[in-house]
Amino acid sequence: MTGVVITGGPGSGKTSLIEALADAGHPVEPEAGRAIIRRQQAEDGQALPWRDRALFARRMLEHDIEAHERSRSAAGLVFHDRGVPDVIGYLTLCGLPIPDHLSQAAAALRYHPKVFIAPPWPEIFGQDAERRQDFDEAKRTFDAMAAVYPTYGYELVEMPKATVAERAAFVLDHLGLV
């Protein structure tokens, strides 16, 4: 069918929401970034945001294109922890150029018209081995995502700062699934 994107800055509760939706039986596609970072750390690779941001972005794009393709063959909605336009937001945040093929992919690979965005939330923000960004960068990431999605014709729906269950109900209600 189609994918529904959950976006926002790091540490804003996106992954917890995706996990809750999966636990409730909804199909999901996990975030590319963490999986790439884990794999690259294990093999001392270069596709890490603190080593080669452009290579990291290319790997995220590859992952997100594959995830989008899987969603197209699914029955019903699939919830994505980030989407192709997030890669554009990431490159913009890093001050790197946006390759033409990336802009073309963001325009061609469509998701549900409503994109849910998690606002920066200092009370739940945390860093770890894979999330090295500070809260200021989390806010700037939110701003980058809030700018990029509307340029590709998506309607942003800001999620409330609420429990995971309340956020899940909010998303499902906005999609007419409850």
C-alpha atoms as a PDB file:
ATOM      1  CA  MET A   1       0.000   0.000   0.000  1.00  0.00           C
ATOM      2  CA  THR A   2       1.952   2.989   1.264  1.00  0.00           C
ATOM      3  CA  GLY A   3       4.282   4.128   3.986  1.00  0.00           C
ATOM      4  CA  VAL A   4       3.568   6.599   6.750  1.00  0.00           C
ATOM      5  CA  VAL A   5       6.641   8.531   7.863  1.00  0.00           C
ATOM      6  CA  ILE A   6       7.464   9.367  11.457  1.00  0.00           C
ATOM      7  CA  THR A   7      10.237  11.993  11.468  1.00  0.00           C
ATOM      8  CA  GLY A   8      11.876  14.552  13.735  1.00  0.00           C
ATOM      9  CA  GLY A   9      15.151  15.086  15.509  1.00  0.00           C
ATOM     10  CA  PRO A  10      17.073  12.412  17.376  1.00  0.00           C
ATOM     11  CA  GLY A  11      15.860  11.540  20.849  1.00  0.00           C
ATOM     12  CA  SER A  12      12.292  12.748  20.295  1.00  0.00           C
ATOM     13  CA  GLY A  13      10.547   9.388  20.735  1.00  0.00           C
ATOM     14  CA  LYS A  14      10.195   8.263  17.104  1.00  0.00           C
ATOM     15  CA  THR A  15      11.650   4.795  17.583  1.00  0.00           C
ATOM     16  CA  SER A  16       9.623   4.148  20.752  1.00  0.00           C
ATOM     17  CA  LEU A  17       6.483   5.046  18.807  1.00  0.00           C
ATOM     18  CA  ILE A  18       7.466   2.778  15.892  1.00  0.00           C
ATOM     19  CA  GLU A  19       8.098  -0.088  18.341  1.00  0.00           C
ATOM     20  CA  ALA A  20       4.694   0.473  19.973  1.00  0.00           C
ATOM     21  CA  LEU A  21       2.983   0.425  16.586  1.00  0.00           C
ATOM     22  CA  ALA A  22       4.799  -2.822  15.751  1.00  0.00           C
ATOM     23  CA  ASP A  23       3.757  -4.333  19.095  1.00  0.00           C
ATOM     24  CA  ALA A  24       0.156  -3.420  18.207  1.00  0.00           C
ATOM     25  CA  GLY A  25       0.459  -5.431  14.988  1.00  0.00           C
ATOM     26  CA  HIS A  26       1.167  -2.674  12.480  1.00  0.00           C
ATOM     27  CA  PRO A  27       3.914  -3.284   9.916  1.00  0.00           C
ATOM     28  CA  VAL A  28       6.944  -1.025  10.400  1.00  0.00           C
ATOM     29  CA  GLU A  29      10.257  -0.151   8.790  1.00  0.00           C
ATOM     30  CA  PRO A  30      13.020   0.700  11.282  1.00  0.00           C
ATOM     31  CA  GLU A  31      15.341   3.689  11.004  1.00  0.00           C
ATOM     32  CA  ALA A  32      18.327   3.288   8.691  1.00  0.00           C
ATOM     33  CA  GLY A  33      20.772   5.384  10.697  1.00  0.00           C
ATOM     34  CA  ARG A  34      21.196   3.210  13.768  1.00  0.00           C
ATOM     35  CA  ALA A  35      21.521  -0.007  11.772  1.00  0.00           C
ATOM     36  CA  ILE A  36      24.157   1.556   9.513  1.00  0.00           C
ATOM     37  CA  ILE A  37      26.070   2.946  12.484  1.00  0.00           C
ATOM     38  CA  ARG A  38      26.066  -0.436  14.283  1.00  0.00           C
ATOM     39  CA  ARG A  39      27.263  -2.248  11.160  1.00  0.00           C
ATOM     40  CA  GLN A  40      29.941   0.328  10.380  1.00  0.00           C
ATOM     41  CA  GLN A  41      31.212   0.364  13.978  1.00  0.00           C
ATOM     42  CA  ALA A  42      31.436  -3.439  13.967  1.00  0.00           C
ATOM     43  CA  GLU A  43      33.587  -3.428  10.836  1.00  0.00           C
ATOM     44  CA  ASP A  44      35.413  -0.135  11.504  1.00  0.00           C
ATOM     45  CA  GLY A  45      33.768   1.242   8.356  1.00  0.00           C
ATOM     46  CA  GLN A  46      33.767   4.749   6.934  1.00  0.00           C
ATOM     47  CA  ALA A  47      29.978   5.258   6.492  1.00  0.00           C
ATOM     48  CA  LEU A  48      29.607   6.918   9.882  1.00  0.00           C
ATOM     49  CA  PRO A  49      28.291  10.430  10.444  1.00  0.00           C
ATOM     50  CA  TRP A  50      31.500  11.393  12.261  1.00  0.00           C
ATOM     51  CA  ARG A  51      33.756   9.957   9.500  1.00  0.00           C
ATOM     52  CA  ASP A  52      32.064  10.462   6.109  1.00  0.00           C
ATOM     53  CA  ARG A  53      28.671  12.150   6.226  1.00  0.00           C
ATOM     54  CA  ALA A  54      28.088  11.922   2.472  1.00  0.00           C
ATOM     55  CA  LEU A  55      28.760   8.158   2.473  1.00  0.00           C
ATOM     56  CA  PHE A  56      26.513   7.764   5.524  1.00  0.00           C
ATOM     57  CA  ALA A  57      23.753   9.631   3.641  1.00  0.00           C
ATOM     58  CA  ARG A  58      24.170   7.367   0.588  1.00  0.00           C
ATOM     59  CA  ARG A  59      23.751   4.293   2.779  1.00  0.00           C
ATOM     60  CA  MET A  60      20.643   5.785   4.408  1.00  0.00           C
ATOM     61  CA  LEU A  61      19.182   6.531   0.977  1.00  0.00           C
ATOM     62  CA  GLU A  62      19.796   2.938  -0.173  1.00  0.00           C
ATOM     63  CA  HIS A  63      18.079   1.629   2.950  1.00  0.00           C
ATOM     64  CA  ASP A  64      15.128   4.007   2.637  1.00  0.00           C
ATOM     65  CA  ILE A  65      14.580   3.150  -1.033  1.00  0.00           C
ATOM     66  CA  GLU A  66      14.505  -0.561  -0.173  1.00  0.00           C
ATOM     67  CA  ALA A  67      12.109   0.097   2.722  1.00  0.00           C
ATOM     68  CA  HIS A  68       9.848   2.126   0.424  1.00  0.00           C
ATOM     69  CA  GLU A  69       9.759  -0.722  -2.093  1.00  0.00           C
ATOM     70  CA  ARG A  70       8.785  -3.212   0.626  1.00  0.00           C
ATOM     71  CA  SER A  71       5.943  -0.912   1.704  1.00  0.00           C
ATOM     72  CA  ARG A  72       4.503  -0.781  -1.793  1.00  0.00           C
ATOM     73  CA  SER A  73       3.824  -4.521  -1.727  1.00  0.00           C
ATOM     74  CA  ALA A  74       2.375  -4.553   1.803  1.00  0.00           C
ATOM     75  CA  ALA A  75      -1.338  -4.722   2.518  1.00  0.00           C
ATOM     76  CA  GLY A  76      -2.310  -1.578   4.411  1.00  0.00           C
ATOM     77  CA  LEU A  77      -0.144   1.142   5.868  1.00  0.00           C
ATOM     78  CA  VAL A  78       3.484   0.620   6.898  1.00  0.00           C
ATOM     79  CA  PHE A  79       5.029   2.962   9.460  1.00  0.00           C
ATOM     80  CA  HIS A  80       8.533   4.220   8.623  1.00  0.00           C
ATOM     81  CA  ASP A  81      11.048   5.529  11.127  1.00  0.00           C
ATOM     82  CA  ARG A  82      12.163   8.295   8.716  1.00  0.00           C
ATOM     83  CA  GLY A  83      11.857   8.448   4.924  1.00  0.00           C
ATOM     84  CA  VAL A  84      13.798   9.486   1.822  1.00  0.00           C
ATOM     85  CA  PRO A  85      13.296  13.248   2.438  1.00  0.00           C
ATOM     86  CA  ASP A  86      15.049  12.801   5.801  1.00  0.00           C
ATOM     87  CA  VAL A  87      18.276  12.187   3.890  1.00  0.00           C
ATOM     88  CA  ILE A  88      17.851  15.597   2.246  1.00  0.00           C
ATOM     89  CA  GLY A  89      17.245  17.149   5.655  1.00  0.00           C
ATOM     90  CA  TYR A  90      20.379  15.452   6.975  1.00  0.00           C
ATOM     91  CA  LEU A  91      22.560  16.694   4.113  1.00  0.00           C
ATOM     92  CA  THR A  92      21.115  20.194   4.490  1.00  0.00           C
ATOM     93  CA  LEU A  93      21.875  20.125   8.209  1.00  0.00           C
ATOM     94  CA  CYS A  94      25.455  19.084   7.409  1.00  0.00           C
ATOM     95  CA  GLY A  95      25.879  21.803   4.789  1.00  0.00           C
ATOM     96  CA  LEU A  96      26.427  19.212   2.056  1.00  0.00           C
ATOM     97  CA  PRO A  97      25.057  19.390  -1.488  1.00  0.00           C
ATOM     98  CA  ILE A  98      21.861  17.550  -2.414  1.00  0.00           C
ATOM     99  CA  PRO A  99      22.597  15.270  -5.396  1.00  0.00           C
ATOM    100  CA  ASP A 100      20.053  15.457  -8.217  1.00  0.00           C
ATOM    101  CA  HIS A 101      19.284  11.737  -7.923  1.00  0.00           C
ATOM    102  CA  LEU A 102      18.328  12.228  -4.269  1.00  0.00           C
ATOM    103  CA  SER A 103      15.920  15.069  -5.087  1.00  0.00           C
ATOM    104  CA  GLN A 104      14.451  12.938  -7.862  1.00  0.00           C
ATOM    105  CA  ALA A 105      14.022   9.978  -5.491  1.00  0.00           C
ATOM    106  CA  ALA A 106      12.291  12.180  -2.897  1.00  0.00           C
ATOM    107  CA  ALA A 107       9.915  13.473  -5.565  1.00  0.00           C
ATOM    108  CA  ALA A 108       9.189  10.055  -7.100  1.00  0.00           C
ATOM    109  CA  LEU A 109       8.991   7.776  -4.045  1.00  0.00           C
ATOM    110  CA  ARG A 110       5.828   8.965  -2.355  1.00  0.00           C
ATOM    111  CA  TYR A 111       4.583   8.264   1.166  1.00  0.00           C
ATOM    112  CA  HIS A 112       1.237   8.952   2.793  1.00  0.00           C
ATOM    113  CA  PRO A 113       0.500  12.701   2.443  1.00  0.00           C
ATOM    114  CA  LYS A 114       0.519  13.158   6.236  1.00  0.00           C
ATOM    115  CA  VAL A 115       3.970  12.992   7.815  1.00  0.00           C
ATOM    116  CA  PHE A 116       4.139  12.866  11.603  1.00  0.00           C
ATOM    117  CA  ILE A 117       6.915  14.910  13.183  1.00  0.00           C
ATOM    118  CA  ALA A 118       8.133  14.527  16.749  1.00  0.00           C
ATOM    119  CA  PRO A 119       9.194  17.841  18.316  1.00  0.00           C
ATOM    120  CA  PRO A 120      12.397  18.261  20.337  1.00  0.00           C
ATOM    121  CA  TRP A 121      11.755  17.090  23.872  1.00  0.00           C
ATOM    122  CA  PRO A 122      14.571  17.669  26.376  1.00  0.00           C
ATOM    123  CA  GLU A 123      12.962  15.486  29.069  1.00  0.00           C
ATOM    124  CA  ILE A 124      13.331  12.318  26.976  1.00  0.00           C
ATOM    125  CA  PHE A 125      16.434  13.230  24.951  1.00  0.00           C
ATOM    126  CA  GLY A 126      19.534  11.137  25.559  1.00  0.00           C
ATOM    127  CA  GLN A 127      22.837  10.301  23.927  1.00  0.00           C
ATOM    128  CA  ASP A 128      24.415   6.876  23.448  1.00  0.00           C
ATOM    129  CA  ALA A 129      27.081   5.118  21.365  1.00  0.00           C
ATOM    130  CA  GLU A 130      25.040   5.621  18.190  1.00  0.00           C
ATOM    131  CA  ARG A 131      23.351   8.935  18.987  1.00  0.00           C
ATOM    132  CA  ARG A 132      26.194  11.371  19.547  1.00  0.00           C
ATOM    133  CA  GLN A 133      24.221  14.514  18.662  1.00  0.00           C
ATOM    134  CA  ASP A 134      23.568  17.025  21.433  1.00  0.00           C
ATOM    135  CA  PHE A 135      20.166  18.566  22.080  1.00  0.00           C
ATOM    136  CA  ASP A 136      20.973  21.656  20.006  1.00  0.00           C
ATOM    137  CA  GLU A 137      21.647  19.439  16.986  1.00  0.00           C
ATOM    138  CA  ALA A 138      18.412  17.551  17.707  1.00  0.00           C
ATOM    139  CA  LYS A 139      16.521  20.867  17.492  1.00  0.00           C
ATOM    140  CA  ARG A 140      18.293  21.808  14.260  1.00  0.00           C
ATOM    141  CA  THR A 141      17.461  18.365  12.838  1.00  0.00           C
ATOM    142  CA  PHE A 142      13.795  18.908  13.691  1.00  0.00           C
ATOM    143  CA  ASP A 143      13.926  22.275  11.893  1.00  0.00           C
ATOM    144  CA  ALA A 144      15.564  20.679   8.830  1.00  0.00           C
ATOM    145  CA  MET A 145      12.880  17.981   8.633  1.00  0.00           C
ATOM    146  CA  ALA A 146      10.120  20.545   9.208  1.00  0.00           C
ATOM    147  CA  ALA A 147      11.490  22.495   6.228  1.00  0.00           C
ATOM    148  CA  VAL A 148      12.131  19.639   3.784  1.00  0.00           C
ATOM    149  CA  TYR A 149       8.901  17.622   3.907  1.00  0.00           C
ATOM    150  CA  PRO A 150       6.548  20.464   2.886  1.00  0.00           C
ATOM    151  CA  THR A 151       8.790  21.226  -0.110  1.00  0.00           C
ATOM    152  CA  TYR A 152       7.866  17.760  -1.399  1.00  0.00           C
ATOM    153  CA  GLY A 153       4.157  18.316  -0.843  1.00  0.00           C
ATOM    154  CA  TYR A 154       3.662  16.611   2.512  1.00  0.00           C
ATOM    155  CA  GLU A 155       1.433  17.860   5.328  1.00  0.00           C
ATOM    156  CA  LEU A 156       3.308  17.860   8.633  1.00  0.00           C
ATOM    157  CA  VAL A 157       1.383  16.798  11.720  1.00  0.00           C
ATOM    158  CA  GLU A 158       3.279  17.619  14.907  1.00  0.00           C
ATOM    159  CA  MET A 159       2.860  14.952  17.540  1.00  0.00           C
ATOM    160  CA  PRO A 160       2.119  15.920  21.123  1.00  0.00           C
ATOM    161  CA  LYS A 161       4.643  15.486  23.906  1.00  0.00           C
ATOM    162  CA  ALA A 162       2.739  12.600  25.453  1.00  0.00           C
ATOM    163  CA  THR A 163       3.137   8.974  26.442  1.00  0.00           C
ATOM    164  CA  VAL A 164       4.007   6.475  23.755  1.00  0.00           C
ATOM    165  CA  ALA A 165       0.492   5.020  23.922  1.00  0.00           C
ATOM    166  CA  GLU A 166      -1.066   8.479  23.568  1.00  0.00           C
ATOM    167  CA  ARG A 167       1.179   9.253  20.602  1.00  0.00           C
ATOM    168  CA  ALA A 168       0.254   5.970  18.932  1.00  0.00           C
ATOM    169  CA  ALA A 169      -3.448   6.746  19.422  1.00  0.00           C
ATOM    170  CA  PHE A 170      -2.876  10.266  18.044  1.00  0.00           C
ATOM    171  CA  VAL A 171      -1.235   8.923  14.861  1.00  0.00           C
ATOM    172  CA  LEU A 172      -3.811   6.191  14.327  1.00  0.00           C
ATOM    173  CA  ASP A 173      -6.673   8.639  14.909  1.00  0.00           C
ATOM    174  CA  HIS A 174      -5.243  11.115  12.354  1.00  0.00           C
ATOM    175  CA  LEU A 175      -5.066   8.287   9.832  1.00  0.00           C
ATOM    176  CA  GLY A 176      -8.626   7.146  10.566  1.00  0.00           C
ATOM    177  CA  LEU A 177      -7.452   3.777  11.891  1.00  0.00           C
ATOM    178  CA  VAL A 178      -9.277   3.883  15.239  1.00  0.00           C
END
